[in-house]
């Protein structure tokens, strides 16, 4: 069976979801992610936003697709 690579951002969201359900605060989650991912860690804003979404009941770790054009 072949292994599929999970993007680092998705892997981090899984961790954020798990730790949020464990009651870990976003600032501690960020610290722990930085230890494991270093410069590839999601931003503080992203970590806090995802933690808030998961705390509010969100289940999916995938981004919601949209039809907007990217802003520059």
PDB file of N, CA and C in Angstrom:
ATOM      1  N   UNK A   1       0.848  -1.170   0.000  1.00  0.00           N
ATOM      2  CA  UNK A   1       0.000   0.000   0.000  1.00  0.00           C
ATOM      3  C   UNK A   1       0.896   1.236   0.000  1.00  0.00           C
ATOM      4  N   UNK A   2       0.582   2.228  -0.857  1.00  0.00           N
ATOM      5  CA  UNK A   2       1.418   3.424  -0.932  1.00  0.00           C
ATOM      6  C   UNK A   2       0.991   4.441   0.120  1.00  0.00           C
ATOM      7  N   UNK A   3       1.986   5.200   0.565  1.00  0.00           N
ATOM      8  CA  UNK A   3       1.725   6.238   1.559  1.00  0.00           C
ATOM      9  C   UNK A   3       1.366   7.528   0.859  1.00  0.00           C
ATOM     10  N   UNK A   4       0.355   8.222   1.354  1.00  0.00           N
ATOM     11  CA  UNK A   4       0.013   9.527   0.828  1.00  0.00           C
ATOM     12  C   UNK A   4       0.584  10.582   1.749  1.00  0.00           C
ATOM     13  N   UNK A   5       1.149  11.619   1.146  1.00  0.00           N
ATOM     14  CA  UNK A   5       1.671  12.723   1.931  1.00  0.00           C
ATOM     15  C   UNK A   5       0.540  13.692   2.269  1.00  0.00           C
ATOM     16  N   UNK A   6       0.431  14.045   3.518  1.00  0.00           N
ATOM     17  CA  UNK A   6      -0.547  15.026   3.966  1.00  0.00           C
ATOM     18  C   UNK A   6       0.170  16.368   4.029  1.00  0.00           C
ATOM     19  N   UNK A   7      -0.393  17.409   3.405  1.00  0.00           N
ATOM     20  CA  UNK A   7       0.246  18.724   3.492  1.00  0.00           C
ATOM     21  C   UNK A   7       0.434  19.145   4.953  1.00  0.00           C
ATOM     22  N   UNK A   8       1.538  19.828   5.223  1.00  0.00           N
ATOM     23  CA  UNK A   8       1.855  20.242   6.598  1.00  0.00           C
ATOM     24  C   UNK A   8       0.737  21.078   7.206  1.00  0.00           C
ATOM     25  N   UNK A   9       0.108  21.931   6.402  1.00  0.00           N
ATOM     26  CA  UNK A   9      -0.954  22.777   6.943  1.00  0.00           C
ATOM     27  C   UNK A   9      -2.148  21.940   7.405  1.00  0.00           C
ATOM     28  N   UNK A  10      -2.478  20.893   6.664  1.00  0.00           N
ATOM     29  CA  UNK A  10      -3.594  20.021   7.050  1.00  0.00           C
ATOM     30  C   UNK A  10      -3.217  19.215   8.291  1.00  0.00           C
ATOM     31  N   UNK A  11      -1.991  18.719   8.332  1.00  0.00           N
ATOM     32  CA  UNK A  11      -1.527  17.969   9.505  1.00  0.00           C
ATOM     33  C   UNK A  11      -1.605  18.842  10.757  1.00  0.00           C
ATOM     34  N   UNK A  12      -1.218  20.103  10.623  1.00  0.00           N
ATOM     35  CA  UNK A  12      -1.268  21.011  11.767  1.00  0.00           C
ATOM     36  C   UNK A  12      -2.708  21.273  12.197  1.00  0.00           C
ATOM     37  N   UNK A  13      -3.620  21.367  11.238  1.00  0.00           N
ATOM     38  CA  UNK A  13      -5.032  21.565  11.591  1.00  0.00           C
ATOM     39  C   UNK A  13      -5.578  20.367  12.353  1.00  0.00           C
ATOM     40  N   UNK A  14      -5.152  19.163  11.980  1.00  0.00           N
ATOM     41  CA  UNK A  14      -5.568  17.956  12.715  1.00  0.00           C
ATOM     42  C   UNK A  14      -5.085  18.051  14.161  1.00  0.00           C
ATOM     43  N   UNK A  15      -3.848  18.487  14.341  1.00  0.00           N
ATOM     44  CA  UNK A  15      -3.286  18.642  15.685  1.00  0.00           C
ATOM     45  C   UNK A  15      -4.047  19.711  16.457  1.00  0.00           C
ATOM     46  N   UNK A  16      -4.329  20.839  15.801  1.00  0.00           N
ATOM     47  CA  UNK A  16      -5.081  21.922  16.448  1.00  0.00           C
ATOM     48  C   UNK A  16      -6.452  21.410  16.884  1.00  0.00           C
ATOM     49  N   UNK A  17      -7.109  20.655  16.015  1.00  0.00           N
ATOM     50  CA  UNK A  17      -8.430  20.101  16.341  1.00  0.00           C
ATOM     51  C   UNK A  17      -8.349  19.192  17.562  1.00  0.00           C
ATOM     52  N   UNK A  18      -7.385  18.284  17.559  1.00  0.00           N
ATOM     53  CA  UNK A  18      -7.226  17.345  18.664  1.00  0.00           C
ATOM     54  C   UNK A  18      -6.937  18.078  19.974  1.00  0.00           C
ATOM     55  N   UNK A  19      -5.961  18.978  19.952  1.00  0.00           N
ATOM     56  CA  UNK A  19      -5.580  19.670  21.184  1.00  0.00           C
ATOM     57  C   UNK A  19      -6.691  20.588  21.682  1.00  0.00           C
ATOM     58  N   UNK A  20      -7.444  21.196  20.764  1.00  0.00           N
ATOM     59  CA  UNK A  20      -8.578  22.032  21.170  1.00  0.00           C
ATOM     60  C   UNK A  20      -9.616  21.180  21.896  1.00  0.00           C
ATOM     61  N   UNK A  21      -9.892  19.992  21.371  1.00  0.00           N
ATOM     62  CA  UNK A  21     -10.847  19.084  22.036  1.00  0.00           C
ATOM     63  C   UNK A  21     -10.325  18.627  23.394  1.00  0.00           C
ATOM     64  N   UNK A  22      -9.002  18.610  23.557  1.00  0.00           N
ATOM     65  CA  UNK A  22      -8.386  18.249  24.839  1.00  0.00           C
ATOM     66  C   UNK A  22      -8.414  19.426  25.823  1.00  0.00           C
ATOM     67  N   UNK A  23      -8.826  20.613  25.349  1.00  0.00           N
ATOM     68  CA  UNK A  23      -8.900  21.784  26.210  1.00  0.00           C
ATOM     69  C   UNK A  23      -7.627  22.608  26.272  1.00  0.00           C
ATOM     70  N   UNK A  24      -6.698  22.349  25.349  1.00  0.00           N
ATOM     71  CA  UNK A  24      -5.438  23.100  25.318  1.00  0.00           C
ATOM     72  C   UNK A  24      -5.701  24.469  24.695  1.00  0.00           C
ATOM     73  N   UNK A  25      -5.143  25.519  25.297  1.00  0.00           N
ATOM     74  CA  UNK A  25      -5.343  26.883  24.817  1.00  0.00           C
ATOM     75  C   UNK A  25      -4.540  27.121  23.536  1.00  0.00           C
ATOM     76  N   UNK A  26      -5.057  28.000  22.661  1.00  0.00           N
ATOM     77  CA  UNK A  26      -4.375  28.268  21.390  1.00  0.00           C
ATOM     78  C   UNK A  26      -2.916  28.703  21.527  1.00  0.00           C
ATOM     79  N   UNK A  27      -2.587  29.486  22.555  1.00  0.00           N
ATOM     80  CA  UNK A  27      -1.194  29.926  22.724  1.00  0.00           C
ATOM     81  C   UNK A  27      -0.276  28.735  22.998  1.00  0.00           C
ATOM     82  N   UNK A  28      -0.757  27.743  23.739  1.00  0.00           N
ATOM     83  CA  UNK A  28       0.027  26.532  24.002  1.00  0.00           C
ATOM     84  C   UNK A  28       0.113  25.664  22.748  1.00  0.00           C
ATOM     85  N   UNK A  29      -0.983  25.608  21.992  1.00  0.00           N
ATOM     86  CA  UNK A  29      -0.967  24.852  20.735  1.00  0.00           C
ATOM     87  C   UNK A  29       0.085  25.443  19.805  1.00  0.00           C
ATOM     88  N   UNK A  30       0.114  26.755  19.684  1.00  0.00           N
ATOM     89  CA  UNK A  30       1.091  27.425  18.822  1.00  0.00           C
ATOM     90  C   UNK A  30       2.514  27.090  19.246  1.00  0.00           C
ATOM     91  N   UNK A  31       2.781  27.139  20.536  1.00  0.00           N
ATOM     92  CA  UNK A  31       4.114  26.818  21.052  1.00  0.00           C
ATOM     93  C   UNK A  31       4.504  25.392  20.687  1.00  0.00           C
ATOM     94  N   UNK A  32       3.591  24.475  20.859  1.00  0.00           N
ATOM     95  CA  UNK A  32       3.875  23.066  20.560  1.00  0.00           C
ATOM     96  C   UNK A  32       4.083  22.836  19.065  1.00  0.00           C
ATOM     97  N   UNK A  33       3.300  23.517  18.238  1.00  0.00           N
ATOM     98  CA  UNK A  33       3.480  23.391  16.790  1.00  0.00           C
ATOM     99  C   UNK A  33       4.842  23.929  16.355  1.00  0.00           C
ATOM    100  N   UNK A  34       5.257  25.048  16.953  1.00  0.00           N
ATOM    101  CA  UNK A  34       6.556  25.640  16.596  1.00  0.00           C
ATOM    102  C   UNK A  34       7.706  24.688  16.905  1.00  0.00           C
ATOM    103  N   UNK A  35       7.586  23.927  17.984  1.00  0.00           N
ATOM    104  CA  UNK A  35       8.627  22.955  18.339  1.00  0.00           C
ATOM    105  C   UNK A  35       8.749  21.899  17.244  1.00  0.00           C
ATOM    106  N   UNK A  36       7.627  21.451  16.709  1.00  0.00           N
ATOM    107  CA  UNK A  36       7.630  20.377  15.712  1.00  0.00           C
ATOM    108  C   UNK A  36       7.846  20.862  14.284  1.00  0.00           C
ATOM    109  N   UNK A  37       7.274  22.014  13.932  1.00  0.00           N
ATOM    110  CA  UNK A  37       7.286  22.465  12.540  1.00  0.00           C
ATOM    111  C   UNK A  37       8.216  23.642  12.262  1.00  0.00           C
ATOM    112  N   UNK A  38       8.734  24.283  13.307  1.00  0.00           N
ATOM    113  CA  UNK A  38       9.663  25.393  13.115  1.00  0.00           C
ATOM    114  C   UNK A  38       9.096  26.476  12.214  1.00  0.00           C
ATOM    115  N   UNK A  39       9.869  26.846  11.180  1.00  0.00           N
ATOM    116  CA  UNK A  39       9.465  27.922  10.272  1.00  0.00           C
ATOM    117  C   UNK A  39       8.243  27.574   9.425  1.00  0.00           C
ATOM    118  N   UNK A  40       7.883  26.311   9.372  1.00  0.00           N
ATOM    119  CA  UNK A  40       6.722  25.886   8.583  1.00  0.00           C
ATOM    120  C   UNK A  40       5.421  25.906   9.382  1.00  0.00           C
ATOM    121  N   UNK A  41       5.483  26.417  10.614  1.00  0.00           N
ATOM    122  CA  UNK A  41       4.296  26.482  11.468  1.00  0.00           C
ATOM    123  C   UNK A  41       3.300  27.490  10.908  1.00  0.00           C
ATOM    124  N   UNK A  42       2.016  27.167  11.024  1.00  0.00           N
ATOM    125  CA  UNK A  42       0.980  28.127  10.662  1.00  0.00           C
ATOM    126  C   UNK A  42       1.175  29.399  11.482  1.00  0.00           C
ATOM    127  N   UNK A  43       0.667  30.520  10.980  1.00  0.00           N
ATOM    128  CA  UNK A  43       0.801  31.783  11.705  1.00  0.00           C
ATOM    129  C   UNK A  43      -0.045  31.758  12.980  1.00  0.00           C
ATOM    130  N   UNK A  44       0.269  32.665  13.877  1.00  0.00           N
ATOM    131  CA  UNK A  44      -0.489  32.778  15.131  1.00  0.00           C
ATOM    132  C   UNK A  44      -1.972  32.989  14.830  1.00  0.00           C
ATOM    133  N   UNK A  45      -2.261  33.876  13.876  1.00  0.00           N
ATOM    134  CA  UNK A  45      -3.648  34.156  13.510  1.00  0.00           C
ATOM    135  C   UNK A  45      -4.347  32.904  13.004  1.00  0.00           C
ATOM    136  N   UNK A  46      -3.668  32.131  12.159  1.00  0.00           N
ATOM    137  CA  UNK A  46      -4.262  30.905  11.626  1.00  0.00           C
ATOM    138  C   UNK A  46      -4.538  29.894  12.740  1.00  0.00           C
ATOM    139  N   UNK A  47      -3.586  29.724  13.642  1.00  0.00           N
ATOM    140  CA  UNK A  47      -3.764  28.774  14.747  1.00  0.00           C
ATOM    141  C   UNK A  47      -4.955  29.186  15.610  1.00  0.00           C
ATOM    142  N   UNK A  48      -5.030  30.458  15.963  1.00  0.00           N
ATOM    143  CA  UNK A  48      -6.122  30.936  16.808  1.00  0.00           C
ATOM    144  C   UNK A  48      -7.467  30.819  16.082  1.00  0.00           C
ATOM    145  N   UNK A  49      -7.487  31.153  14.772  1.00  0.00           N
ATOM    146  CA  UNK A  49      -8.733  31.054  14.002  1.00  0.00           C
ATOM    147  C   UNK A  49      -9.222  29.614  13.904  1.00  0.00           C
ATOM    148  N   UNK A  50      -8.305  28.680  13.597  1.00  0.00           N
ATOM    149  CA  UNK A  50      -8.702  27.273  13.495  1.00  0.00           C
ATOM    150  C   UNK A  50      -9.159  26.741  14.852  1.00  0.00           C
ATOM    151  N   UNK A  51      -8.473  27.113  15.923  1.00  0.00           N
ATOM    152  CA  UNK A  51      -8.880  26.661  17.261  1.00  0.00           C
ATOM    153  C   UNK A  51     -10.293  27.150  17.573  1.00  0.00           C
ATOM    154  N   UNK A  52     -10.576  28.391  17.203  1.00  0.00           N
ATOM    155  CA  UNK A  52     -11.909  28.958  17.438  1.00  0.00           C
ATOM    156  C   UNK A  52     -12.965  28.194  16.638  1.00  0.00           C
ATOM    157  N   UNK A  53     -12.648  27.879  15.378  1.00  0.00           N
ATOM    158  CA  UNK A  53     -13.592  27.129  14.536  1.00  0.00           C
ATOM    159  C   UNK A  53     -13.870  25.750  15.130  1.00  0.00           C
ATOM    160  N   UNK A  54     -12.818  25.066  15.554  1.00  0.00           N
ATOM    161  CA  UNK A  54     -13.004  23.724  16.114  1.00  0.00           C
ATOM    162  C   UNK A  54     -13.749  23.778  17.444  1.00  0.00           C
ATOM    163  N   UNK A  55     -13.478  24.795  18.236  1.00  0.00           N
ATOM    164  CA  UNK A  55     -14.172  24.934  19.520  1.00  0.00           C
ATOM    165  C   UNK A  55     -15.663  25.195  19.301  1.00  0.00           C
ATOM    166  N   UNK A  56     -15.977  25.854  18.175  1.00  0.00           N
ATOM    167  CA  UNK A  56     -17.376  26.151  17.839  1.00  0.00           C
ATOM    168  C   UNK A  56     -18.093  24.971  17.196  1.00  0.00           C
ATOM    169  N   UNK A  57     -17.372  23.857  17.002  1.00  0.00           N
ATOM    170  CA  UNK A  57     -18.022  22.661  16.487  1.00  0.00           C
ATOM    171  C   UNK A  57     -17.629  22.236  15.088  1.00  0.00           C
ATOM    172  N   UNK A  58     -16.766  22.979  14.443  1.00  0.00           N
ATOM    173  CA  UNK A  58     -16.335  22.570  13.103  1.00  0.00           C
ATOM    174  C   UNK A  58     -15.628  21.227  13.179  1.00  0.00           C
ATOM    175  N   UNK A  59     -15.879  20.363  12.205  1.00  0.00           N
ATOM    176  CA  UNK A  59     -15.263  19.041  12.166  1.00  0.00           C
ATOM    177  C   UNK A  59     -14.210  18.919  11.070  1.00  0.00           C
ATOM    178  N   UNK A  60     -14.441  19.540   9.929  1.00  0.00           N
ATOM    179  CA  UNK A  60     -13.543  19.395   8.783  1.00  0.00           C
ATOM    180  C   UNK A  60     -12.240  20.164   8.989  1.00  0.00           C
ATOM    181  N   UNK A  61     -11.130  19.537   8.572  1.00  0.00           N
ATOM    182  CA  UNK A  61      -9.830  20.209   8.633  1.00  0.00           C
ATOM    183  C   UNK A  61      -9.454  20.789   7.271  1.00  0.00           C
ATOM    184  N   UNK A  62     -10.324  20.602   6.288  1.00  0.00           N
ATOM    185  CA  UNK A  62     -10.070  21.107   4.935  1.00  0.00           C
ATOM    186  C   UNK A  62     -10.546  22.547   4.818  1.00  0.00           C
ATOM    187  N   UNK A  63      -9.876  23.309   3.939  1.00  0.00           N
ATOM    188  CA  UNK A  63     -10.328  24.658   3.634  1.00  0.00           C
ATOM    189  C   UNK A  63     -11.639  24.583   2.875  1.00  0.00           C
ATOM    190  N   UNK A  64     -12.493  25.563   3.075  1.00  0.00           N
ATOM    191  CA  UNK A  64     -13.734  25.651   2.324  1.00  0.00           C
ATOM    192  C   UNK A  64     -13.395  26.294   0.987  1.00  0.00           C
ATOM    193  N   UNK A  65     -13.794  25.640  -0.097  1.00  0.00           N
ATOM    194  CA  UNK A  65     -13.504  26.217  -1.411  1.00  0.00           C
ATOM    195  C   UNK A  65     -14.409  27.418  -1.643  1.00  0.00           C
ATOM    196  N   UNK A  66     -13.921  28.331  -2.438  1.00  0.00           N
ATOM    197  CA  UNK A  66     -14.685  29.533  -2.747  1.00  0.00           C
ATOM    198  C   UNK A  66     -14.416  29.920  -4.192  1.00  0.00           C
ATOM    199  N   UNK A  67     -15.244  30.802  -4.716  1.00  0.00           N
ATOM    200  CA  UNK A  67     -15.127  31.229  -6.108  1.00  0.00           C
ATOM    201  C   UNK A  67     -14.539  32.622  -6.243  1.00  0.00           C
ATOM    202  N   UNK A  68     -13.995  33.145  -5.191  1.00  0.00           N
ATOM    203  CA  UNK A  68     -13.414  34.485  -5.239  1.00  0.00           C
ATOM    204  C   UNK A  68     -12.079  34.446  -5.954  1.00  0.00           C
ATOM    205  N   UNK A  69     -11.735  35.581  -6.507  1.00  0.00           N
ATOM    206  CA  UNK A  69     -10.401  35.723  -7.071  1.00  0.00           C
ATOM    207  C   UNK A  69      -9.457  36.077  -5.938  1.00  0.00           C
ATOM    208  N   UNK A  70      -8.227  35.602  -5.998  1.00  0.00           N
ATOM    209  CA  UNK A  70      -7.268  35.960  -4.940  1.00  0.00           C
ATOM    210  C   UNK A  70      -6.955  37.447  -4.976  1.00  0.00           C
ATOM    211  N   UNK A  71      -6.764  38.022  -3.806  1.00  0.00           N
ATOM    212  CA  UNK A  71      -6.399  39.434  -3.731  1.00  0.00           C
ATOM    213  C   UNK A  71      -4.891  39.576  -3.703  1.00  0.00           C
ATOM    214  N   UNK A  72      -4.447  40.668  -4.262  1.00  0.00           N
ATOM    215  CA  UNK A  72      -2.992  40.910  -4.302  1.00  0.00           C
ATOM    216  C   UNK A  72      -2.644  42.071  -3.414  1.00  0.00           C
TER     217      UNK A  72
END
